[in-house]
Amino acid sequence: VAVSAAMNAVIAQNCFSTSGGNVVAKKGARIIERNES
């Protein structure tokens, strides 16, 4: 719920400028784990 709310805030505040235009929709979220040796 907090992740979704944060993503909604990013979209609503239009705080990132990209070469693909404004950020307009949530696609997903994921946790990525990386092991290093």
PDB file of all heavy atoms in Angstrom:
ATOM      1  N   VAL A   1       0.845  -1.197   0.000  1.00  0.00           N
ATOM      2  CA  VAL A   1       0.000   0.000   0.000  1.00  0.00           C
ATOM      3  C   VAL A   1       0.883   1.251   0.000  1.00  0.00           C
ATOM      4  O   VAL A   1       0.625   2.214  -0.735  1.00  0.00           O
ATOM      5  CB  VAL A   1      -0.968  -0.013   1.204  1.00  0.00           C
ATOM      6  CG1 VAL A   1      -1.739   1.290   1.301  1.00  0.00           C
ATOM      7  CG2 VAL A   1      -1.916  -1.200   1.099  1.00  0.00           C
ATOM      8  N   ALA A   2       1.949   1.245   0.807  1.00  0.00           N
ATOM      9  CA  ALA A   2       2.863   2.384   0.863  1.00  0.00           C
ATOM     10  C   ALA A   2       3.614   2.549  -0.458  1.00  0.00           C
ATOM     11  O   ALA A   2       3.828   3.672  -0.927  1.00  0.00           O
ATOM     12  CB  ALA A   2       3.851   2.216   2.013  1.00  0.00           C
ATOM     13  N   VAL A   3       4.013   1.436  -1.069  1.00  0.00           N
ATOM     14  CA  VAL A   3       4.708   1.492  -2.358  1.00  0.00           C
ATOM     15  C   VAL A   3       3.782   2.093  -3.415  1.00  0.00           C
ATOM     16  O   VAL A   3       4.177   2.972  -4.178  1.00  0.00           O
ATOM     17  CB  VAL A   3       5.208   0.094  -2.783  1.00  0.00           C
ATOM     18  CG1 VAL A   3       5.706   0.099  -4.221  1.00  0.00           C
ATOM     19  CG2 VAL A   3       6.308  -0.386  -1.841  1.00  0.00           C
ATOM     20  N   SER A   4       2.536   1.634  -3.448  1.00  0.00           N
ATOM     21  CA  SER A   4       1.573   2.158  -4.421  1.00  0.00           C
ATOM     22  C   SER A   4       1.332   3.650  -4.209  1.00  0.00           C
ATOM     23  O   SER A   4       1.280   4.422  -5.173  1.00  0.00           O
ATOM     24  CB  SER A   4       0.257   1.383  -4.313  1.00  0.00           C
ATOM     25  OG  SER A   4      -0.665   1.852  -5.267  1.00  0.00           O
ATOM     26  N   ALA A   5       1.225   4.070  -2.956  1.00  0.00           N
ATOM     27  CA  ALA A   5       1.012   5.490  -2.653  1.00  0.00           C
ATOM     28  C   ALA A   5       2.211   6.324  -3.084  1.00  0.00           C
ATOM     29  O   ALA A   5       2.047   7.428  -3.629  1.00  0.00           O
ATOM     30  CB  ALA A   5       0.743   5.676  -1.158  1.00  0.00           C
ATOM     31  N   ALA A   6       3.410   5.815  -2.854  1.00  0.00           N
ATOM     32  CA  ALA A   6       4.614   6.533  -3.279  1.00  0.00           C
ATOM     33  C   ALA A   6       4.668   6.649  -4.795  1.00  0.00           C
ATOM     34  O   ALA A   6       5.023   7.709  -5.341  1.00  0.00           O
ATOM     35  CB  ALA A   6       5.861   5.825  -2.757  1.00  0.00           C
ATOM     36  N   MET A   7       4.297   5.588  -5.487  1.00  0.00           N
ATOM     37  CA  MET A   7       4.287   5.623  -6.952  1.00  0.00           C
ATOM     38  C   MET A   7       3.237   6.619  -7.460  1.00  0.00           C
ATOM     39  O   MET A   7       3.489   7.337  -8.428  1.00  0.00           O
ATOM     40  CB  MET A   7       4.061   4.224  -7.513  1.00  0.00           C
ATOM     41  CG  MET A   7       5.223   3.277  -7.225  1.00  0.00           C
ATOM     42  SD  MET A   7       4.938   1.584  -7.786  1.00  0.00           S
ATOM     43  CE  MET A   7       5.269   1.781  -9.551  1.00  0.00           C
ATOM     44  N   ASN A   8       2.080   6.657  -6.807  1.00  0.00           N
ATOM     45  CA  ASN A   8       1.044   7.634  -7.177  1.00  0.00           C
ATOM     46  C   ASN A   8       1.559   9.059  -6.998  1.00  0.00           C
ATOM     47  O   ASN A   8       1.273   9.939  -7.821  1.00  0.00           O
ATOM     48  CB  ASN A   8      -0.223   7.427  -6.358  1.00  0.00           C
ATOM     49  CG  ASN A   8      -0.993   6.193  -6.770  1.00  0.00           C
ATOM     50  OD1 ASN A   8      -0.865   5.696  -7.884  1.00  0.00           O
ATOM     51  ND2 ASN A   8      -1.789   5.667  -5.847  1.00  0.00           N
ATOM     52  N   ALA A   9       2.323   9.291  -5.928  1.00  0.00           N
ATOM     53  CA  ALA A   9       2.883  10.621  -5.678  1.00  0.00           C
ATOM     54  C   ALA A   9       3.885  11.011  -6.760  1.00  0.00           C
ATOM     55  O   ALA A   9       3.907  12.163  -7.206  1.00  0.00           O
ATOM     56  CB  ALA A   9       3.535  10.675  -4.300  1.00  0.00           C
ATOM     57  N   VAL A  10       4.708  10.065  -7.202  1.00  0.00           N
ATOM     58  CA  VAL A  10       5.669  10.345  -8.280  1.00  0.00           C
ATOM     59  C   VAL A  10       4.928  10.770  -9.543  1.00  0.00           C
ATOM     60  O   VAL A  10       5.294  11.741 -10.203  1.00  0.00           O
ATOM     61  CB  VAL A  10       6.559   9.107  -8.556  1.00  0.00           C
ATOM     62  CG1 VAL A  10       7.337   9.257  -9.862  1.00  0.00           C
ATOM     63  CG2 VAL A  10       7.509   8.862  -7.387  1.00  0.00           C
ATOM     64  N   ILE A  11       3.862  10.054  -9.854  1.00  0.00           N
ATOM     65  CA  ILE A  11       3.075  10.381 -11.051  1.00  0.00           C
ATOM     66  C   ILE A  11       2.387  11.743 -10.891  1.00  0.00           C
ATOM     67  O   ILE A  11       2.452  12.595 -11.783  1.00  0.00           O
ATOM     68  CB  ILE A  11       2.042   9.272 -11.342  1.00  0.00           C
ATOM     69  CG1 ILE A  11       2.765   7.980 -11.732  1.00  0.00           C
ATOM     70  CG2 ILE A  11       1.063   9.701 -12.430  1.00  0.00           C
ATOM     71  CD1 ILE A  11       1.883   6.746 -11.741  1.00  0.00           C
ATOM     72  N   ALA A  12       1.755  11.970  -9.754  1.00  0.00           N
ATOM     73  CA  ALA A  12       0.993  13.211  -9.531  1.00  0.00           C
ATOM     74  C   ALA A  12       1.887  14.442  -9.514  1.00  0.00           C
ATOM     75  O   ALA A  12       1.507  15.503 -10.021  1.00  0.00           O
ATOM     76  CB  ALA A  12       0.216  13.114  -8.224  1.00  0.00           C
ATOM     77  N   GLN A  13       3.082  14.322  -8.947  1.00  0.00           N
ATOM     78  CA  GLN A  13       3.967  15.478  -8.833  1.00  0.00           C
ATOM     79  C   GLN A  13       4.795  15.710 -10.092  1.00  0.00           C
ATOM     80  O   GLN A  13       5.456  16.746 -10.206  1.00  0.00           O
ATOM     81  CB  GLN A  13       4.878  15.317  -7.613  1.00  0.00           C
ATOM     82  CG  GLN A  13       4.101  15.370  -6.325  1.00  0.00           C
ATOM     83  CD  GLN A  13       4.988  15.184  -5.114  1.00  0.00           C
ATOM     84  OE1 GLN A  13       6.190  15.327  -5.173  1.00  0.00           O
ATOM     85  NE2 GLN A  13       4.376  14.866  -3.988  1.00  0.00           N
ATOM     86  N   ASN A  14       4.778  14.754 -11.020  1.00  0.00           N
ATOM     87  CA  ASN A  14       5.502  14.892 -12.280  1.00  0.00           C
ATOM     88  C   ASN A  14       6.936  15.386 -12.032  1.00  0.00           C
ATOM     89  O   ASN A  14       7.382  16.369 -12.616  1.00  0.00           O
ATOM     90  CB  ASN A  14       4.745  15.841 -13.220  1.00  0.00           C
ATOM     91  CG  ASN A  14       5.228  15.725 -14.641  1.00  0.00           C
ATOM     92  OD1 ASN A  14       5.774  14.709 -15.052  1.00  0.00           O
ATOM     93  ND2 ASN A  14       5.035  16.781 -15.405  1.00  0.00           N
ATOM     94  N   CYS A  15       7.634  14.697 -11.144  1.00  0.00           N
ATOM     95  CA  CYS A  15       8.946  15.174 -10.678  1.00  0.00           C
ATOM     96  C   CYS A  15      10.129  14.624 -11.470  1.00  0.00           C
ATOM     97  O   CYS A  15      11.269  14.946 -11.154  1.00  0.00           O
ATOM     98  CB  CYS A  15       9.111  14.893  -9.192  1.00  0.00           C
ATOM     99  SG  CYS A  15       8.787  13.207  -8.701  1.00  0.00           S
ATOM    100  N   PHE A  16       9.894  13.800 -12.490  1.00  0.00           N
ATOM    101  CA  PHE A  16      10.988  13.279 -13.301  1.00  0.00           C
ATOM    102  C   PHE A  16      10.759  13.619 -14.765  1.00  0.00           C
ATOM    103  O   PHE A  16       9.666  13.456 -15.286  1.00  0.00           O
ATOM    104  CB  PHE A  16      11.113  11.755 -13.146  1.00  0.00           C
ATOM    105  CG  PHE A  16      11.570  11.336 -11.789  1.00  0.00           C
ATOM    106  CD1 PHE A  16      10.651  10.918 -10.837  1.00  0.00           C
ATOM    107  CD2 PHE A  16      12.912  11.367 -11.455  1.00  0.00           C
ATOM    108  CE1 PHE A  16      11.069  10.539  -9.566  1.00  0.00           C
ATOM    109  CE2 PHE A  16      13.339  10.990 -10.198  1.00  0.00           C
ATOM    110  CZ  PHE A  16      12.415  10.577  -9.254  1.00  0.00           C
ATOM    111  N   SER A  17      11.813  14.078 -15.410  1.00  0.00           N
ATOM    112  CA  SER A  17      11.774  14.369 -16.836  1.00  0.00           C
ATOM    113  C   SER A  17      12.517  13.246 -17.558  1.00  0.00           C
ATOM    114  O   SER A  17      13.660  12.950 -17.228  1.00  0.00           O
ATOM    115  CB  SER A  17      12.456  15.711 -17.107  1.00  0.00           C
ATOM    116  OG  SER A  17      12.517  15.957 -18.485  1.00  0.00           O
ATOM    117  N   THR A  18      11.862  12.611 -18.512  1.00  0.00           N
ATOM    118  CA  THR A  18      12.489  11.504 -19.232  1.00  0.00           C
ATOM    119  C   THR A  18      12.434  11.756 -20.734  1.00  0.00           C
ATOM    120  O   THR A  18      11.616  12.549 -21.212  1.00  0.00           O
ATOM    121  CB  THR A  18      11.776  10.163 -18.935  1.00  0.00           C
ATOM    122  OG1 THR A  18      10.550  10.103 -19.666  1.00  0.00           O
ATOM    123  CG2 THR A  18      11.504   9.974 -17.456  1.00  0.00           C
ATOM    124  N   SER A  19      13.274  11.054 -21.460  1.00  0.00           N
ATOM    125  CA  SER A  19      13.255  11.168 -22.920  1.00  0.00           C
ATOM    126  C   SER A  19      11.988  10.551 -23.504  1.00  0.00           C
ATOM    127  O   SER A  19      11.622  10.832 -24.634  1.00  0.00           O
ATOM    128  CB  SER A  19      14.492  10.506 -23.524  1.00  0.00           C
ATOM    129  OG  SER A  19      14.525   9.126 -23.188  1.00  0.00           O
ATOM    130  N   GLY A  20      11.307   9.708 -22.727  1.00  0.00           N
ATOM    131  CA  GLY A  20      10.069   9.076 -23.162  1.00  0.00           C
ATOM    132  C   GLY A  20       8.834   9.860 -22.768  1.00  0.00           C
ATOM    133  O   GLY A  20       7.719   9.363 -22.884  1.00  0.00           O
ATOM    134  N   GLY A  21       9.023  11.073 -22.244  1.00  0.00           N
ATOM    135  CA  GLY A  21       7.888  11.884 -21.830  1.00  0.00           C
ATOM    136  C   GLY A  21       7.636  11.773 -20.341  1.00  0.00           C
ATOM    137  O   GLY A  21       8.428  11.201 -19.591  1.00  0.00           O
ATOM    138  N   ASN A  22       6.533  12.318 -19.908  1.00  0.00           N
ATOM    139  CA  ASN A  22       6.167  12.302 -18.490  1.00  0.00           C
ATOM    140  C   ASN A  22       5.827  10.897 -18.021  1.00  0.00           C
ATOM    141  O   ASN A  22       5.326  10.072 -18.788  1.00  0.00           O
ATOM    142  CB  ASN A  22       4.961  13.208 -18.236  1.00  0.00           C
ATOM    143  CG  ASN A  22       5.269  14.661 -18.482  1.00  0.00           C
ATOM    144  OD1 ASN A  22       6.393  15.115 -18.293  1.00  0.00           O
ATOM    145  ND2 ASN A  22       4.274  15.401 -18.928  1.00  0.00           N
ATOM    146  N   VAL A  23       6.068  10.642 -16.742  1.00  0.00           N
ATOM    147  CA  VAL A  23       5.690   9.374 -16.133  1.00  0.00           C
ATOM    148  C   VAL A  23       4.182   9.426 -15.899  1.00  0.00           C
ATOM    149  O   VAL A  23       3.680  10.350 -15.263  1.00  0.00           O
ATOM    150  CB  VAL A  23       6.452   9.172 -14.797  1.00  0.00           C
ATOM    151  CG1 VAL A  23       6.002   7.905 -14.112  1.00  0.00           C
ATOM    152  CG2 VAL A  23       7.951   9.144 -15.044  1.00  0.00           C
ATOM    153  N   VAL A  24       3.450   8.448 -16.457  1.00  0.00           N
ATOM    154  CA  VAL A  24       1.990   8.526 -16.417  1.00  0.00           C
ATOM    155  C   VAL A  24       1.291   7.321 -15.795  1.00  0.00           C
ATOM    156  O   VAL A  24       0.113   7.408 -15.465  1.00  0.00           O
ATOM    157  CB  VAL A  24       1.411   8.753 -17.839  1.00  0.00           C
ATOM    158  CG1 VAL A  24       1.830  10.106 -18.388  1.00  0.00           C
ATOM    159  CG2 VAL A  24       1.789   7.631 -18.782  1.00  0.00           C
ATOM    160  N   ALA A  25       1.983   6.192 -15.629  1.00  0.00           N
ATOM    161  CA  ALA A  25       1.296   4.997 -15.120  1.00  0.00           C
ATOM    162  C   ALA A  25       2.254   4.085 -14.364  1.00  0.00           C
ATOM    163  O   ALA A  25       3.431   3.996 -14.687  1.00  0.00           O
ATOM    164  CB  ALA A  25       0.663   4.224 -16.270  1.00  0.00           C
ATOM    165  N   LYS A  26       1.687   3.403 -13.367  1.00  0.00           N
ATOM    166  CA  LYS A  26       2.439   2.386 -12.640  1.00  0.00           C
ATOM    167  C   LYS A  26       2.465   1.110 -13.474  1.00  0.00           C
ATOM    168  O   LYS A  26       1.451   0.715 -14.046  1.00  0.00           O
ATOM    169  CB  LYS A  26       1.786   2.081 -11.294  1.00  0.00           C
ATOM    170  CG  LYS A  26       1.771   3.239 -10.334  1.00  0.00           C
ATOM    171  CD  LYS A  26       1.143   2.852  -9.004  1.00  0.00           C
ATOM    172  CE  LYS A  26      -0.358   2.770  -9.140  1.00  0.00           C
ATOM    173  NZ  LYS A  26      -1.045   2.587  -7.849  1.00  0.00           N
ATOM    174  N   LYS A  27       3.615   0.488 -13.534  1.00  0.00           N
ATOM    175  CA  LYS A  27       3.751  -0.785 -14.236  1.00  0.00           C
ATOM    176  C   LYS A  27       3.927  -1.927 -13.243  1.00  0.00           C
ATOM    177  O   LYS A  27       3.375  -2.992 -13.415  1.00  0.00           O
ATOM    178  CB  LYS A  27       4.940  -0.720 -15.193  1.00  0.00           C
ATOM    179  CG  LYS A  27       5.129  -1.942 -16.039  1.00  0.00           C
ATOM    180  CD  LYS A  27       6.277  -1.750 -17.013  1.00  0.00           C
ATOM    181  CE  LYS A  27       6.500  -3.005 -17.831  1.00  0.00           C
ATOM    182  NZ  LYS A  27       7.647  -2.854 -18.729  1.00  0.00           N
ATOM    183  N   GLY A  28       4.727  -1.694 -12.185  1.00  0.00           N
ATOM    184  CA  GLY A  28       4.949  -2.732 -11.190  1.00  0.00           C
ATOM    185  C   GLY A  28       6.044  -2.322 -10.225  1.00  0.00           C
ATOM    186  O   GLY A  28       6.629  -1.245 -10.333  1.00  0.00           O
ATOM    187  N   ALA A  29       6.311  -3.204  -9.289  1.00  0.00           N
ATOM    188  CA  ALA A  29       7.388  -2.985  -8.325  1.00  0.00           C
ATOM    189  C   ALA A  29       7.948  -4.350  -7.959  1.00  0.00           C
ATOM    190  O   ALA A  29       7.217  -5.358  -7.991  1.00  0.00           O
ATOM    191  CB  ALA A  29       6.861  -2.273  -7.086  1.00  0.00           C
ATOM    192  N   ARG A  30       9.227  -4.370  -7.624  1.00  0.00           N
ATOM    193  CA  ARG A  30       9.823  -5.651  -7.254  1.00  0.00           C
ATOM    194  C   ARG A  30      11.044  -5.443  -6.367  1.00  0.00           C
ATOM    195  O   ARG A  30      11.692  -4.400  -6.414  1.00  0.00           O
ATOM    196  CB  ARG A  30      10.204  -6.466  -8.483  1.00  0.00           C
ATOM    197  CG  ARG A  30      11.246  -5.812  -9.367  1.00  0.00           C
ATOM    198  CD  ARG A  30      11.477  -6.617 -10.610  1.00  0.00           C
ATOM    199  NE  ARG A  30      12.394  -5.923 -11.514  1.00  0.00           N
ATOM    200  CZ  ARG A  30      12.782  -6.394 -12.656  1.00  0.00           C
ATOM    201  NH1 ARG A  30      12.349  -7.577 -13.063  1.00  0.00           N
ATOM    202  NH2 ARG A  30      13.601  -5.720 -13.421  1.00  0.00           N
ATOM    203  N   ILE A  31      11.316  -6.461  -5.570  1.00  0.00           N
ATOM    204  CA  ILE A  31      12.525  -6.507  -4.760  1.00  0.00           C
ATOM    205  C   ILE A  31      13.553  -7.293  -5.559  1.00  0.00           C
ATOM    206  O   ILE A  31      13.255  -8.373  -6.074  1.00  0.00           O
ATOM    207  CB  ILE A  31      12.274  -7.216  -3.410  1.00  0.00           C
ATOM    208  CG1 ILE A  31      11.315  -6.425  -2.551  1.00  0.00           C
ATOM    209  CG2 ILE A  31      13.587  -7.483  -2.689  1.00  0.00           C
ATOM    210  CD1 ILE A  31      11.907  -5.166  -1.956  1.00  0.00           C
ATOM    211  N   ILE A  32      14.749  -6.749  -5.652  1.00  0.00           N
ATOM    212  CA  ILE A  32      15.840  -7.421  -6.350  1.00  0.00           C
ATOM    213  C   ILE A  32      16.917  -7.742  -5.326  1.00  0.00           C
ATOM    214  O   ILE A  32      17.345  -6.870  -4.572  1.00  0.00           O
ATOM    215  CB  ILE A  32      16.413  -6.535  -7.470  1.00  0.00           C
ATOM    216  CG1 ILE A  32      15.322  -6.212  -8.482  1.00  0.00           C
ATOM    217  CG2 ILE A  32      17.607  -7.206  -8.137  1.00  0.00           C
ATOM    218  CD1 ILE A  32      15.705  -5.171  -9.506  1.00  0.00           C
ATOM    219  N   GLU A  33      17.338  -9.004  -5.276  1.00  0.00           N
ATOM    220  CA  GLU A  33      18.405  -9.445  -4.380  1.00  0.00           C
ATOM    221  C   GLU A  33      19.630  -9.774  -5.211  1.00  0.00           C
ATOM    222  O   GLU A  33      19.520 -10.421  -6.254  1.00  0.00           O
ATOM    223  CB  GLU A  33      17.977 -10.681  -3.596  1.00  0.00           C
ATOM    224  CG  GLU A  33      16.836 -10.430  -2.647  1.00  0.00           C
ATOM    225  CD  GLU A  33      16.492 -11.645  -1.822  1.00  0.00           C
ATOM    226  OE1 GLU A  33      17.422 -12.341  -1.373  1.00  0.00           O
ATOM    227  OE2 GLU A  33      15.299 -11.898  -1.635  1.00  0.00           O
ATOM    228  N   ARG A  34      20.777  -9.332  -4.730  1.00  0.00           N
ATOM    229  CA  ARG A  34      22.019  -9.578  -5.464  1.00  0.00           C
ATOM    230  C   ARG A  34      23.051 -10.145  -4.496  1.00  0.00           C
ATOM    231  O   ARG A  34      23.310  -9.583  -3.441  1.00  0.00           O
ATOM    232  CB  ARG A  34      22.532  -8.272  -6.071  1.00  0.00           C
ATOM    233  CG  ARG A  34      23.749  -8.458  -6.944  1.00  0.00           C
ATOM    234  CD  ARG A  34      24.217  -7.148  -7.517  1.00  0.00           C
ATOM    235  NE  ARG A  34      24.893  -6.402  -6.460  1.00  0.00           N
ATOM    236  CZ  ARG A  34      24.786  -5.101  -6.263  1.00  0.00           C
ATOM    237  NH1 ARG A  34      24.021  -4.378  -7.034  1.00  0.00           N
ATOM    238  NH2 ARG A  34      25.434  -4.505  -5.294  1.00  0.00           N
ATOM    239  N   ASN A  35      23.633 -11.254  -4.880  1.00  0.00           N
ATOM    240  CA  ASN A  35      24.712 -11.857  -4.101  1.00  0.00           C
ATOM    241  C   ASN A  35      26.038 -11.503  -4.751  1.00  0.00           C
ATOM    242  O   ASN A  35      26.178 -11.584  -5.972  1.00  0.00           O
ATOM    243  CB  ASN A  35      24.582 -13.378  -4.050  1.00  0.00           C
ATOM    244  CG  ASN A  35      23.373 -13.813  -3.257  1.00  0.00           C
ATOM    245  OD1 ASN A  35      23.056 -13.223  -2.243  1.00  0.00           O
ATOM    246  ND2 ASN A  35      22.701 -14.847  -3.712  1.00  0.00           N
ATOM    247  N   GLU A  36      27.012 -11.158  -3.937  1.00  0.00           N
ATOM    248  CA  GLU A  36      28.348 -10.859  -4.433  1.00  0.00           C
ATOM    249  C   GLU A  36      29.352 -11.700  -3.682  1.00  0.00           C
ATOM    250  O   GLU A  36      29.267 -11.851  -2.466  1.00  0.00           O
ATOM    251  CB  GLU A  36      28.690  -9.382  -4.227  1.00  0.00           C
ATOM    252  CG  GLU A  36      27.840  -8.456  -5.042  1.00  0.00           C
ATOM    253  CD  GLU A  36      28.215  -7.004  -4.826  1.00  0.00           C
ATOM    254  OE1 GLU A  36      29.315  -6.723  -4.293  1.00  0.00           O
ATOM    255  OE2 GLU A  36      27.425  -6.145  -5.209  1.00  0.00           O
ATOM    256  N   SER A  37      30.292 -12.267  -4.404  1.00  0.00           N
ATOM    257  CA  SER A  37      31.376 -13.040  -3.802  1.00  0.00           C
ATOM    258  C   SER A  37      32.679 -12.598  -4.424  1.00  0.00           C
ATOM    259  O   SER A  37      32.836 -12.631  -5.655  1.00  0.00           O
ATOM    260  CB  SER A  37      31.185 -14.544  -4.051  1.00  0.00           C
ATOM    261  OG  SER A  37      29.979 -14.995  -3.485  1.00  0.00           O
TER     262      SER A  37
END
